[in-house]
Every structure is written in structure tokens, then in C-alpha cells.
């Protein structure tokens, strides 16, 4: 009787070891996915920053065009006099 209980306990312990190993591997896989998501987020931040600077440059160009148009308007008015 004691031997059968000991074998049963040993089987349960082995099953628990297997479950723990599976959980460990799953945790490692989740860490890998989390790291990939983190790297993707950093890349997206870089793209967002590049888009921000592009928008700033377009804004500056639009302002330059606006001032050029004002200057041309002034020249045209002067020529009409």
C-alpha cells in the first residue's frame, strides 16, 4: 500500500514538473511577444516623430508661400499705381 501511494505521489510530482515546465516555456514565449511589441512601439514612435517633423516642414513651407504671395500682391498694387 505504501509503495503504491509513493508511486502515485511520484507520478503527481512528475506531472507537476511537466506543468511547471510548460508554464515556464509559455512565459518565455510571452516575454518574446512583449519584446516584439515593445520594439514595434518604438518603431511606430519613430515614424510618428518623422511625420510630425514633416508636418512642421510643410507648415513652414506654407507660411513661406503665404508671405511670398503677400509680397507679390504688394508689388502688383505698386505697379497699378
Protein backbone atom coordinates (compact mmCIF):
# COMPACT_ATOMS: atom_id res chain seq x y z
CA UNK A 1 0.00 0.00 0.00
CA UNK A 2 2.76 2.45 0.91
CA UNK A 3 4.61 1.71 -2.32
CA UNK A 4 1.53 2.39 -4.42
CA UNK A 5 0.96 5.70 -2.60
CA UNK A 6 4.65 6.59 -3.12
CA UNK A 7 4.39 5.74 -6.84
CA UNK A 8 1.22 7.82 -7.08
CA UNK A 9 2.93 10.74 -5.35
CA UNK A 10 5.94 10.37 -7.65
CA UNK A 11 3.64 10.39 -10.69
CA UNK A 12 1.89 13.51 -9.44
CA UNK A 13 5.23 15.21 -8.81
CA UNK A 14 6.37 14.38 -12.35
CA UNK A 15 3.11 15.74 -13.75
CA UNK A 16 3.57 18.94 -11.75
CA UNK A 17 7.12 19.24 -13.09
CA UNK A 18 5.79 18.90 -16.63
CA UNK A 19 3.15 21.55 -15.98
CA UNK A 20 5.73 23.89 -14.46
CA UNK A 21 8.00 23.42 -17.48
CA UNK A 22 5.09 24.16 -19.84
CA UNK A 23 4.25 27.32 -17.88
CA UNK A 24 7.90 28.36 -17.99
CA UNK A 25 8.03 27.93 -21.78
CA UNK A 26 4.75 29.85 -22.16
CA UNK A 27 6.14 32.68 -20.03
CA UNK A 28 9.28 32.79 -22.17
CA UNK A 29 7.14 32.96 -25.32
CA UNK A 30 5.08 35.80 -23.82
CA UNK A 31 8.27 37.64 -22.97
CA UNK A 32 9.34 37.29 -26.60
CA UNK A 33 6.00 38.64 -27.84
CA UNK A 34 6.12 41.51 -25.35
CA UNK A 35 9.62 42.42 -26.52
CA UNK A 36 8.50 42.36 -30.16
CA UNK A 37 5.53 44.61 -29.31
CA UNK A 38 7.86 46.96 -27.43
CA UNK A 39 10.21 47.18 -30.43
CA UNK A 40 7.23 47.78 -32.75
CA UNK A 41 6.01 50.58 -30.46
CA UNK A 42 9.43 52.22 -30.56
CA UNK A 43 9.45 51.96 -34.36
CA UNK A 44 5.97 53.49 -34.50
CA UNK A 45 7.14 56.30 -32.23
CA UNK A 46 9.96 56.97 -34.69
CA UNK A 47 7.51 57.06 -37.60
CA UNK A 48 5.16 59.36 -35.69
CA UNK A 49 8.03 61.71 -34.90
CA UNK A 50 9.10 61.73 -38.56
CA UNK A 51 5.52 62.54 -39.62
CA UNK A 52 5.41 65.34 -37.02
CA UNK A 53 8.60 66.89 -38.41
CA UNK A 54 7.30 66.52 -41.98
CA UNK A 55 4.12 68.34 -40.97
CA UNK A 56 6.19 71.08 -39.35
CA UNK A 57 8.22 71.46 -42.56
CA UNK A 58 5.02 71.64 -44.63
CA UNK A 59 3.66 74.27 -42.27
CA UNK A 60 6.85 76.31 -42.67
CA UNK A 61 6.66 75.97 -46.47
CA UNK A 62 3.01 77.06 -46.45
CA UNK A 63 3.89 80.09 -44.36
CA UNK A 64 6.71 80.96 -46.77
CA UNK A 65 4.32 80.70 -49.71
CA UNK A 66 1.82 82.90 -47.87
CA UNK A 67 4.45 85.62 -47.31
CA UNK A 68 5.60 85.34 -50.93
CA UNK A 69 2.01 85.78 -52.09
CA UNK A 70 1.65 88.85 -49.87
CA UNK A 71 4.84 90.28 -51.31
CA UNK A 72 3.63 89.66 -54.89
CA UNK A 73 0.31 91.29 -54.00
CA UNK A 74 2.19 94.34 -52.72
CA UNK A 75 4.29 94.51 -55.91
CA UNK A 76 1.16 94.20 -58.06
CA UNK A 77 -0.56 97.04 -56.15
CA UNK A 78 2.55 99.21 -56.51
CA UNK A 79 2.64 98.54 -60.27
CA UNK A 80 -1.02 99.50 -60.56
CA UNK A 81 -0.30 102.95 -59.15
